[in-house]
Amino acid sequence: MFDKWRVKYAIVFMDAVHFHVRQDNQPVKKAVY
């Protein structure tokens, strides 16, 4: 995903969004990071 040179970031925002989804016919909560 990143180019082959070493990458530096001024700021990185990190968070998760939570969803209720079906897994094996059961409702479960998943997080998208």
Full PDB file with SEQRES, HELIX, SHEET, SSBOND, CRYST1, ORIGX, SCALE, CONECT and MASTER records, all heavy atoms in Angstrom:
SEQRES   1 A   33  MET PHE ASP LYS TRP ARG VAL LYS TYR ALA ILE VAL PHE          
SEQRES   2 A   33  MET ASP ALA VAL HIS PHE HIS VAL ARG GLN ASP ASN GLN          
SEQRES   3 A   33  PRO VAL LYS LYS ALA VAL TYR                                  
SHEET    1 AA1 2 VAL A  17  GLN A  23  0                                        
SHEET    2 AA1 2 GLN A  26  VAL A  32 -1                                        
CRYST1    1.000    1.000    1.000  90.00  90.00  90.00 P 1           1          
ORIGX1      1.000000  0.000000  0.000000        0.00000                         
ORIGX2      0.000000  1.000000  0.000000        0.00000                         
ORIGX3      0.000000  0.000000  1.000000        0.00000                         
SCALE1      1.000000  0.000000  0.000000        0.00000                         
SCALE2      0.000000  1.000000  0.000000        0.00000                         
SCALE3      0.000000  0.000000  1.000000        0.00000                         
ATOM      1  N   MET A   1       0.821  -1.189   0.000  1.00  0.00           N  
ATOM      2  CA  MET A   1       0.000   0.000   0.000  1.00  0.00           C  
ATOM      3  C   MET A   1       0.872   1.262   0.000  1.00  0.00           C  
ATOM      4  O   MET A   1       0.554   2.227  -0.656  1.00  0.00           O  
ATOM      5  CB  MET A   1      -0.932  -0.029   1.212  1.00  0.00           C  
ATOM      6  CG  MET A   1      -1.740   1.219   1.383  1.00  0.00           C  
ATOM      7  SD  MET A   1      -2.920   1.009   2.703  1.00  0.00           S  
ATOM      8  CE  MET A   1      -4.222   1.954   2.032  1.00  0.00           C  
ATOM      9  N   PHE A   2       1.947   1.248   0.769  1.00  0.00           N  
ATOM     10  CA  PHE A   2       2.835   2.406   0.826  1.00  0.00           C  
ATOM     11  C   PHE A   2       3.972   2.193  -0.168  1.00  0.00           C  
ATOM     12  O   PHE A   2       4.309   1.075  -0.497  1.00  0.00           O  
ATOM     13  CB  PHE A   2       3.416   2.581   2.239  1.00  0.00           C  
ATOM     14  CG  PHE A   2       2.357   2.650   3.292  1.00  0.00           C  
ATOM     15  CD1 PHE A   2       2.212   1.636   4.214  1.00  0.00           C  
ATOM     16  CD2 PHE A   2       1.488   3.725   3.360  1.00  0.00           C  
ATOM     17  CE1 PHE A   2       1.239   1.694   5.183  1.00  0.00           C  
ATOM     18  CE2 PHE A   2       0.510   3.787   4.321  1.00  0.00           C  
ATOM     19  CZ  PHE A   2       0.380   2.773   5.234  1.00  0.00           C  
ATOM     20  N   ASP A   3       4.565   3.302  -0.625  1.00  0.00           N  
ATOM     21  CA  ASP A   3       5.698   3.112  -1.522  1.00  0.00           C  
ATOM     22  C   ASP A   3       6.891   2.555  -0.744  1.00  0.00           C  
ATOM     23  O   ASP A   3       6.879   2.497   0.470  1.00  0.00           O  
ATOM     24  CB  ASP A   3       6.046   4.410  -2.261  1.00  0.00           C  
ATOM     25  CG  ASP A   3       6.006   5.659  -1.403  1.00  0.00           C  
ATOM     26  OD1 ASP A   3       6.264   5.570  -0.193  1.00  0.00           O  
ATOM     27  OD2 ASP A   3       5.717   6.705  -1.954  1.00  0.00           O  
ATOM     28  N   LYS A   4       7.904   2.143  -1.480  1.00  0.00           N  
ATOM     29  CA  LYS A   4       9.001   1.424  -0.833  1.00  0.00           C  
ATOM     30  C   LYS A   4       9.878   2.296   0.056  1.00  0.00           C  
ATOM     31  O   LYS A   4      10.692   1.788   0.798  1.00  0.00           O  
ATOM     32  CB  LYS A   4       9.841   0.704  -1.879  1.00  0.00           C  
ATOM     33  CG  LYS A   4      10.411   1.589  -2.951  1.00  0.00           C  
ATOM     34  CD  LYS A   4      11.068   0.744  -4.018  1.00  0.00           C  
ATOM     35  CE  LYS A   4      11.363   1.605  -5.222  1.00  0.00           C  
ATOM     36  NZ  LYS A   4      11.812   0.828  -6.333  1.00  0.00           N  
ATOM     37  N   TRP A   5       9.758   3.629  -0.027  1.00  0.00           N  
ATOM     38  CA  TRP A   5      10.520   4.494   0.855  1.00  0.00           C  
ATOM     39  C   TRP A   5       9.842   4.581   2.195  1.00  0.00           C  
ATOM     40  O   TRP A   5       8.629   4.412   2.316  1.00  0.00           O  
ATOM     41  CB  TRP A   5      10.645   5.891   0.237  1.00  0.00           C  
ATOM     42  CG  TRP A   5      11.382   5.820  -1.062  1.00  0.00           C  
ATOM     43  CD1 TRP A   5      12.726   5.698  -1.237  1.00  0.00           C  
ATOM     44  CD2 TRP A   5      10.806   5.824  -2.363  1.00  0.00           C  
ATOM     45  NE1 TRP A   5      13.030   5.628  -2.568  1.00  0.00           N  
ATOM     46  CE2 TRP A   5      11.864   5.711  -3.288  1.00  0.00           C  
ATOM     47  CE3 TRP A   5       9.512   5.911  -2.848  1.00  0.00           C  
ATOM     48  CZ2 TRP A   5      11.663   5.681  -4.653  1.00  0.00           C  
ATOM     49  CZ3 TRP A   5       9.313   5.876  -4.209  1.00  0.00           C  
ATOM     50  CH2 TRP A   5      10.382   5.765  -5.090  1.00  0.00           C  
ATOM     51  N   ARG A   6      10.608   4.867   3.192  1.00  0.00           N  
ATOM     52  CA  ARG A   6      10.067   4.996   4.541  1.00  0.00           C  
ATOM     53  C   ARG A   6       9.156   6.219   4.597  1.00  0.00           C  
ATOM     54  O   ARG A   6       9.516   7.295   4.141  1.00  0.00           O  
ATOM     55  CB  ARG A   6      11.195   5.117   5.557  1.00  0.00           C  
ATOM     56  CG  ARG A   6      12.170   3.953   5.534  1.00  0.00           C  
ATOM     57  CD  ARG A   6      11.521   2.606   5.674  1.00  0.00           C  
ATOM     58  NE  ARG A   6      11.136   2.362   7.048  1.00  0.00           N  
ATOM     59  CZ  ARG A   6      10.497   1.291   7.459  1.00  0.00           C  
ATOM     60  NH1 ARG A   6      10.164   0.367   6.620  1.00  0.00           N  
ATOM     61  NH2 ARG A   6      10.192   1.146   8.711  1.00  0.00           N  
ATOM     62  N   VAL A   7       7.965   6.066   5.153  1.00  0.00           N  
ATOM     63  CA  VAL A   7       6.952   7.113   5.162  1.00  0.00           C  
ATOM     64  C   VAL A   7       6.835   7.707   6.561  1.00  0.00           C  
ATOM     65  O   VAL A   7       6.888   6.998   7.564  1.00  0.00           O  
ATOM     66  CB  VAL A   7       5.579   6.537   4.723  1.00  0.00           C  
ATOM     67  CG1 VAL A   7       4.521   7.613   4.709  1.00  0.00           C  
ATOM     68  CG2 VAL A   7       5.696   5.874   3.365  1.00  0.00           C  
ATOM     69  N   LYS A   8       6.665   9.040   6.606  1.00  0.00           N  
ATOM     70  CA  LYS A   8       6.445   9.740   7.876  1.00  0.00           C  
ATOM     71  C   LYS A   8       5.138  10.510   7.775  1.00  0.00           C  
ATOM     72  O   LYS A   8       4.811  11.060   6.731  1.00  0.00           O  
ATOM     73  CB  LYS A   8       7.596  10.704   8.161  1.00  0.00           C  
ATOM     74  CG  LYS A   8       8.923  10.002   8.378  1.00  0.00           C  
ATOM     75  CD  LYS A   8      10.032  10.975   8.692  1.00  0.00           C  
ATOM     76  CE  LYS A   8      11.330  10.206   8.886  1.00  0.00           C  
ATOM     77  NZ  LYS A   8      12.432  11.067   9.266  1.00  0.00           N  
ATOM     78  N   TYR A   9       4.410  10.540   8.886  1.00  0.00           N  
ATOM     79  CA  TYR A   9       3.136  11.248   8.924  1.00  0.00           C  
ATOM     80  C   TYR A   9       3.159  12.321  10.007  1.00  0.00           C  
ATOM     81  O   TYR A   9       3.662  12.086  11.107  1.00  0.00           O  
ATOM     82  CB  TYR A   9       1.985  10.274   9.199  1.00  0.00           C  
ATOM     83  CG  TYR A   9       1.666   9.427   7.997  1.00  0.00           C  
ATOM     84  CD1 TYR A   9       2.281   8.201   7.815  1.00  0.00           C  
ATOM     85  CD2 TYR A   9       0.777   9.878   7.031  1.00  0.00           C  
ATOM     86  CE1 TYR A   9       2.009   7.429   6.696  1.00  0.00           C  
ATOM     87  CE2 TYR A   9       0.505   9.117   5.906  1.00  0.00           C  
ATOM     88  CZ  TYR A   9       1.127   7.899   5.750  1.00  0.00           C  
ATOM     89  OH  TYR A   9       0.861   7.154   4.638  1.00  0.00           O  
ATOM     90  N   ALA A  10       2.596  13.472   9.663  1.00  0.00           N  
ATOM     91  CA  ALA A  10       2.461  14.545  10.650  1.00  0.00           C  
ATOM     92  C   ALA A  10       1.424  14.143  11.689  1.00  0.00           C  
ATOM     93  O   ALA A  10       1.624  14.324  12.888  1.00  0.00           O  
ATOM     94  CB  ALA A  10       2.062  15.854   9.966  1.00  0.00           C  
ATOM     95  N   ILE A  11       0.291  13.613  11.221  1.00  0.00           N  
ATOM     96  CA  ILE A  11      -0.775  13.186  12.134  1.00  0.00           C  
ATOM     97  C   ILE A  11      -1.492  11.987  11.547  1.00  0.00           C  
ATOM     98  O   ILE A  11      -1.659  11.878  10.335  1.00  0.00           O  
ATOM     99  CB  ILE A  11      -1.763  14.337  12.436  1.00  0.00           C  
ATOM    100  CG1 ILE A  11      -2.757  13.934  13.523  1.00  0.00           C  
ATOM    101  CG2 ILE A  11      -2.459  14.822  11.179  1.00  0.00           C  
ATOM    102  CD1 ILE A  11      -3.510  15.098  14.148  1.00  0.00           C  
ATOM    103  N   VAL A  12      -1.879  11.084  12.430  1.00  0.00           N  
ATOM    104  CA  VAL A  12      -2.683   9.927  12.043  1.00  0.00           C  
ATOM    105  C   VAL A  12      -3.895   9.880  12.965  1.00  0.00           C  
ATOM    106  O   VAL A  12      -3.756   9.972  14.187  1.00  0.00           O  
ATOM    107  CB  VAL A  12      -1.878   8.607  12.138  1.00  0.00           C  
ATOM    108  CG1 VAL A  12      -2.785   7.397  11.929  1.00  0.00           C  
ATOM    109  CG2 VAL A  12      -0.744   8.600  11.128  1.00  0.00           C  
ATOM    110  N   PHE A  13      -5.068   9.770  12.346  1.00  0.00           N  
ATOM    111  CA  PHE A  13      -6.320   9.643  13.088  1.00  0.00           C  
ATOM    112  C   PHE A  13      -6.689   8.166  13.114  1.00  0.00           C  
ATOM    113  O   PHE A  13      -6.715   7.514  12.062  1.00  0.00           O  
ATOM    114  CB  PHE A  13      -7.440  10.437  12.406  1.00  0.00           C  
ATOM    115  CG  PHE A  13      -7.170  11.907  12.350  1.00  0.00           C  
ATOM    116  CD1 PHE A  13      -6.516  12.466  11.260  1.00  0.00           C  
ATOM    117  CD2 PHE A  13      -7.558  12.741  13.394  1.00  0.00           C  
ATOM    118  CE1 PHE A  13      -6.250  13.826  11.205  1.00  0.00           C  
ATOM    119  CE2 PHE A  13      -7.288  14.103  13.345  1.00  0.00           C  
ATOM    120  CZ  PHE A  13      -6.641  14.639  12.252  1.00  0.00           C  
ATOM    121  N   MET A  14      -6.971   7.652  14.315  1.00  0.00           N  
ATOM    122  CA  MET A  14      -7.326   6.246  14.449  1.00  0.00           C  
ATOM    123  C   MET A  14      -8.613   6.141  15.266  1.00  0.00           C  
ATOM    124  O   MET A  14      -8.714   6.716  16.350  1.00  0.00           O  
ATOM    125  CB  MET A  14      -6.196   5.485  15.146  1.00  0.00           C  
ATOM    126  CG  MET A  14      -4.862   5.614  14.426  1.00  0.00           C  
ATOM    127  SD  MET A  14      -3.553   4.692  15.218  1.00  0.00           S  
ATOM    128  CE  MET A  14      -3.630   3.226  14.224  1.00  0.00           C  
ATOM    129  N   ASP A  15      -9.571   5.406  14.709  1.00  0.00           N  
ATOM    130  CA  ASP A  15     -10.833   5.217  15.408  1.00  0.00           C  
ATOM    131  C   ASP A  15     -11.500   3.959  14.874  1.00  0.00           C  
ATOM    132  O   ASP A  15     -11.096   3.419  13.847  1.00  0.00           O  
ATOM    133  CB  ASP A  15     -11.742   6.438  15.210  1.00  0.00           C  
ATOM    134  CG  ASP A  15     -12.830   6.555  16.283  1.00  0.00           C  
ATOM    135  OD1 ASP A  15     -12.871   5.711  17.214  1.00  0.00           O  
ATOM    136  OD2 ASP A  15     -13.638   7.495  16.203  1.00  0.00           O  
ATOM    137  N   ALA A  16     -12.517   3.510  15.575  1.00  0.00           N  
ATOM    138  CA  ALA A  16     -13.275   2.340  15.139  1.00  0.00           C  
ATOM    139  C   ALA A  16     -14.753   2.716  15.050  1.00  0.00           C  
ATOM    140  O   ALA A  16     -15.249   3.514  15.836  1.00  0.00           O  
ATOM    141  CB  ALA A  16     -13.087   1.177  16.111  1.00  0.00           C  
ATOM    142  N   VAL A  17     -15.416   2.141  14.067  1.00  0.00           N  
ATOM    143  CA  VAL A  17     -16.851   2.296  13.891  1.00  0.00           C  
ATOM    144  C   VAL A  17     -17.461   0.926  14.156  1.00  0.00           C  
ATOM    145  O   VAL A  17     -16.961  -0.091  13.657  1.00  0.00           O  
ATOM    146  CB  VAL A  17     -17.191   2.770  12.461  1.00  0.00           C  
ATOM    147  CG1 VAL A  17     -18.684   2.947  12.290  1.00  0.00           C  
ATOM    148  CG2 VAL A  17     -16.450   4.048  12.125  1.00  0.00           C  
ATOM    149  N   HIS A  18     -18.523   0.901  14.946  1.00  0.00           N  
ATOM    150  CA  HIS A  18     -19.115  -0.373  15.359  1.00  0.00           C  
ATOM    151  C   HIS A  18     -20.394  -0.664  14.584  1.00  0.00           C  
ATOM    152  O   HIS A  18     -21.220   0.221  14.386  1.00  0.00           O  
ATOM    153  CB  HIS A  18     -19.393  -0.349  16.865  1.00  0.00           C  
ATOM    154  CG  HIS A  18     -18.157  -0.071  17.655  1.00  0.00           C  
ATOM    155  ND1 HIS A  18     -17.331  -1.065  18.095  1.00  0.00           N  
ATOM    156  CD2 HIS A  18     -17.586   1.090  18.047  1.00  0.00           C  
ATOM    157  CE1 HIS A  18     -16.307  -0.533  18.731  1.00  0.00           C  
ATOM    158  NE2 HIS A  18     -16.432   0.781  18.709  1.00  0.00           N  
ATOM    159  N   PHE A  19     -20.541  -1.920  14.166  1.00  0.00           N  
ATOM    160  CA  PHE A  19     -21.695  -2.361  13.393  1.00  0.00           C  
ATOM    161  C   PHE A  19     -22.231  -3.663  13.969  1.00  0.00           C  
ATOM    162  O   PHE A  19     -21.469  -4.480  14.486  1.00  0.00           O  
ATOM    163  CB  PHE A  19     -21.310  -2.623  11.922  1.00  0.00           C  
ATOM    164  CG  PHE A  19     -20.854  -1.408  11.188  1.00  0.00           C  
ATOM    165  CD1 PHE A  19     -19.501  -1.129  11.056  1.00  0.00           C  
ATOM    166  CD2 PHE A  19     -21.776  -0.543  10.609  1.00  0.00           C  
ATOM    167  CE1 PHE A  19     -19.067  -0.007  10.375  1.00  0.00           C  
ATOM    168  CE2 PHE A  19     -21.348   0.584   9.922  1.00  0.00           C  
ATOM    169  CZ  PHE A  19     -20.001   0.851   9.807  1.00  0.00           C  
ATOM    170  N   HIS A  20     -23.537  -3.851  13.841  1.00  0.00           N  
ATOM    171  CA  HIS A  20     -24.144  -5.145  14.133  1.00  0.00           C  
ATOM    172  C   HIS A  20     -24.298  -5.865  12.795  1.00  0.00           C  
ATOM    173  O   HIS A  20     -24.886  -5.317  11.863  1.00  0.00           O  
ATOM    174  CB  HIS A  20     -25.511  -4.976  14.817  1.00  0.00           C  
ATOM    175  CG  HIS A  20     -25.391  -4.548  16.237  1.00  0.00           C  
ATOM    176  ND1 HIS A  20     -25.363  -3.225  16.618  1.00  0.00           N  
ATOM    177  CD2 HIS A  20     -25.260  -5.282  17.367  1.00  0.00           C  
ATOM    178  CE1 HIS A  20     -25.233  -3.153  17.927  1.00  0.00           C  
ATOM    179  NE2 HIS A  20     -25.170  -4.383  18.407  1.00  0.00           N  
ATOM    180  N   VAL A  21     -23.733  -7.065  12.716  1.00  0.00           N  
ATOM    181  CA  VAL A  21     -23.783  -7.850  11.483  1.00  0.00           C  
ATOM    182  C   VAL A  21     -24.196  -9.283  11.816  1.00  0.00           C  
ATOM    183  O   VAL A  21     -24.177  -9.697  12.970  1.00  0.00           O  
ATOM    184  CB  VAL A  21     -22.420  -7.845  10.750  1.00  0.00           C  
ATOM    185  CG1 VAL A  21     -22.026  -6.456  10.306  1.00  0.00           C  
ATOM    186  CG2 VAL A  21     -21.333  -8.463  11.612  1.00  0.00           C  
ATOM    187  N   ARG A  22     -24.559 -10.030  10.777  1.00  0.00           N  
ATOM    188  CA  ARG A  22     -24.892 -11.441  10.964  1.00  0.00           C  
ATOM    189  C   ARG A  22     -23.663 -12.285  10.661  1.00  0.00           C  
ATOM    190  O   ARG A  22     -23.012 -12.119   9.644  1.00  0.00           O  
ATOM    191  CB  ARG A  22     -26.025 -11.855  10.037  1.00  0.00           C  
ATOM    192  CG  ARG A  22     -27.372 -11.388  10.493  1.00  0.00           C  
ATOM    193  CD  ARG A  22     -28.452 -12.241   9.801  1.00  0.00           C  
ATOM    194  NE  ARG A  22     -29.714 -12.250  10.467  1.00  0.00           N  
ATOM    195  CZ  ARG A  22     -29.987 -12.779  11.651  1.00  0.00           C  
ATOM    196  NH1 ARG A  22     -29.037 -13.333  12.334  1.00  0.00           N  
ATOM    197  NH2 ARG A  22     -31.186 -12.762  12.162  1.00  0.00           N  
ATOM    198  N   GLN A  23     -23.385 -13.203  11.581  1.00  0.00           N  
ATOM    199  CA  GLN A  23     -22.280 -14.144  11.397  1.00  0.00           C  
ATOM    200  C   GLN A  23     -22.788 -15.501  11.856  1.00  0.00           C  
ATOM    201  O   GLN A  23     -23.214 -15.636  13.005  1.00  0.00           O  
ATOM    202  CB  GLN A  23     -21.064 -13.707  12.212  1.00  0.00           C  
ATOM    203  CG  GLN A  23     -19.868 -14.615  12.055  1.00  0.00           C  
ATOM    204  CD  GLN A  23     -18.662 -14.070  12.799  1.00  0.00           C  
ATOM    205  OE1 GLN A  23     -18.430 -12.872  12.848  1.00  0.00           O  
ATOM    206  NE2 GLN A  23     -17.896 -14.961  13.386  1.00  0.00           N  
ATOM    207  N   ASP A  24     -22.772 -16.480  10.970  1.00  0.00           N  
ATOM    208  CA  ASP A  24     -23.316 -17.812  11.278  1.00  0.00           C  
ATOM    209  C   ASP A  24     -24.758 -17.716  11.767  1.00  0.00           C  
ATOM    210  O   ASP A  24     -25.134 -18.338  12.759  1.00  0.00           O  
ATOM    211  CB  ASP A  24     -22.438 -18.530  12.314  1.00  0.00           C  
ATOM    212  CG  ASP A  24     -21.008 -18.719  11.838  1.00  0.00           C  
ATOM    213  OD1 ASP A  24     -20.818 -18.957  10.621  1.00  0.00           O  
ATOM    214  OD2 ASP A  24     -20.093 -18.619  12.672  1.00  0.00           O  
ATOM    215  N   ASN A  25     -25.550 -16.891  11.090  1.00  0.00           N  
ATOM    216  CA  ASN A  25     -26.968 -16.670  11.415  1.00  0.00           C  
ATOM    217  C   ASN A  25     -27.200 -16.093  12.807  1.00  0.00           C  
ATOM    218  O   ASN A  25     -28.287 -16.206  13.356  1.00  0.00           O  
ATOM    219  CB  ASN A  25     -27.791 -17.959  11.235  1.00  0.00           C  
ATOM    220  CG  ASN A  25     -28.045 -18.251   9.783  1.00  0.00           C  
ATOM    221  OD1 ASN A  25     -28.133 -17.332   8.964  1.00  0.00           O  
ATOM    222  ND2 ASN A  25     -28.162 -19.523   9.449  1.00  0.00           N  
ATOM    223  N   GLN A  26     -26.188 -15.475  13.373  1.00  0.00           N  
ATOM    224  CA  GLN A  26     -26.309 -14.842  14.686  1.00  0.00           C  
ATOM    225  C   GLN A  26     -25.899 -13.376  14.568  1.00  0.00           C  
ATOM    226  O   GLN A  26     -24.914 -13.064  13.903  1.00  0.00           O  
ATOM    227  CB  GLN A  26     -25.385 -15.530  15.717  1.00  0.00           C  
ATOM    228  CG  GLN A  26     -25.713 -16.973  15.990  1.00  0.00           C  
ATOM    229  CD  GLN A  26     -27.023 -17.132  16.724  1.00  0.00           C  
ATOM    230  OE1 GLN A  26     -27.381 -16.330  17.572  1.00  0.00           O  
ATOM    231  NE2 GLN A  26     -27.765 -18.178  16.380  1.00  0.00           N  
ATOM    232  N   PRO A  27     -26.647 -12.476  15.235  1.00  0.00           N  
ATOM    233  CA  PRO A  27     -26.203 -11.075  15.221  1.00  0.00           C  
ATOM    234  C   PRO A  27     -24.989 -10.897  16.138  1.00  0.00           C  
ATOM    235  O   PRO A  27     -24.992 -11.366  17.275  1.00  0.00           O  
ATOM    236  CB  PRO A  27     -27.418 -10.304  15.750  1.00  0.00           C  
ATOM    237  CG  PRO A  27     -28.206 -11.309  16.524  1.00  0.00           C  
ATOM    238  CD  PRO A  27     -27.906 -12.664  15.942  1.00  0.00           C  
ATOM    239  N   VAL A  28     -23.948 -10.281  15.603  1.00  0.00           N  
ATOM    240  CA  VAL A  28     -22.737 -10.013  16.386  1.00  0.00           C  
ATOM    241  C   VAL A  28     -22.300  -8.568  16.141  1.00  0.00           C  
ATOM    242  O   VAL A  28     -22.653  -7.969  15.131  1.00  0.00           O  
ATOM    243  CB  VAL A  28     -21.577 -10.981  16.030  1.00  0.00           C  
ATOM    244  CG1 VAL A  28     -21.910 -12.396  16.404  1.00  0.00           C  
ATOM    245  CG2 VAL A  28     -21.208 -10.874  14.571  1.00  0.00           C  
ATOM    246  N   LYS A  29     -21.540  -8.059  17.070  1.00  0.00           N  
ATOM    247  CA  LYS A  29     -21.020  -6.702  16.936  1.00  0.00           C  
ATOM    248  C   LYS A  29     -19.592  -6.789  16.408  1.00  0.00           C  
ATOM    249  O   LYS A  29     -18.771  -7.545  16.944  1.00  0.00           O  
ATOM    250  CB  LYS A  29     -21.056  -6.002  18.297  1.00  0.00           C  
ATOM    251  CG  LYS A  29     -20.847  -4.530  18.243  1.00  0.00           C  
ATOM    252  CD  LYS A  29     -21.071  -3.921  19.632  1.00  0.00           C  
ATOM    253  CE  LYS A  29     -20.903  -2.429  19.590  1.00  0.00           C  
ATOM    254  NZ  LYS A  29     -21.108  -1.819  20.908  1.00  0.00           N  
ATOM    255  N   LYS A  30     -19.318  -6.034  15.364  1.00  0.00           N  
ATOM    256  CA  LYS A  30     -17.975  -5.978  14.778  1.00  0.00           C  
ATOM    257  C   LYS A  30     -17.509  -4.532  14.756  1.00  0.00           C  
ATOM    258  O   LYS A  30     -18.306  -3.607  14.651  1.00  0.00           O  
ATOM    259  CB  LYS A  30     -17.974  -6.514  13.341  1.00  0.00           C  
ATOM    260  CG  LYS A  30     -18.267  -7.982  13.208  1.00  0.00           C  
ATOM    261  CD  LYS A  30     -17.056  -8.799  13.536  1.00  0.00           C  
ATOM    262  CE  LYS A  30     -17.316 -10.269  13.246  1.00  0.00           C  
ATOM    263  NZ  LYS A  30     -16.152 -11.075  13.495  1.00  0.00           N  
ATOM    264  N   ALA A  31     -16.218  -4.359  14.831  1.00  0.00           N  
ATOM    265  CA  ALA A  31     -15.624  -3.024  14.746  1.00  0.00           C  
ATOM    266  C   ALA A  31     -14.822  -2.926  13.461  1.00  0.00           C  
ATOM    267  O   ALA A  31     -14.091  -3.852  13.107  1.00  0.00           O  
ATOM    268  CB  ALA A  31     -14.716  -2.768  15.950  1.00  0.00           C  
ATOM    269  N   VAL A  32     -14.989  -1.813  12.761  1.00  0.00           N  
ATOM    270  CA  VAL A  32     -14.148  -1.515  11.609  1.00  0.00           C  
ATOM    271  C   VAL A  32     -13.135  -0.483  12.085  1.00  0.00           C  
ATOM    272  O   VAL A  32     -13.497   0.638  12.431  1.00  0.00           O  
ATOM    273  CB  VAL A  32     -14.967  -0.981  10.414  1.00  0.00           C  
ATOM    274  CG1 VAL A  32     -14.037  -0.619   9.258  1.00  0.00           C  
ATOM    275  CG2 VAL A  32     -16.011  -1.995   9.974  1.00  0.00           C  
ATOM    276  N   TYR A  33     -11.887  -0.903  12.158  1.00  0.00           N  
ATOM    277  CA  TYR A  33     -10.796  -0.047  12.606  1.00  0.00           C  
ATOM    278  C   TYR A  33     -10.287   0.736  11.404  1.00  0.00           C  
ATOM    279  O   TYR A  33     -10.022   0.152  10.362  1.00  0.00           O  
ATOM    280  CB  TYR A  33      -9.659  -0.893  13.179  1.00  0.00           C  
ATOM    281  CG  TYR A  33     -10.035  -1.673  14.420  1.00  0.00           C  
ATOM    282  CD1 TYR A  33     -10.807  -2.824  14.350  1.00  0.00           C  
ATOM    283  CD2 TYR A  33      -9.598  -1.254  15.663  1.00  0.00           C  
ATOM    284  CE1 TYR A  33     -11.136  -3.534  15.490  1.00  0.00           C  
ATOM    285  CE2 TYR A  33      -9.917  -1.964  16.810  1.00  0.00           C  
ATOM    286  CZ  TYR A  33     -10.687  -3.103  16.711  1.00  0.00           C  
ATOM    287  OH  TYR A  33     -11.026  -3.795  17.849  1.00  0.00           O  
TER     288      TYR A  33                                                      
MASTER        0    0    0    0    2    0    0    6  287    1    0    3          
END                                                                             
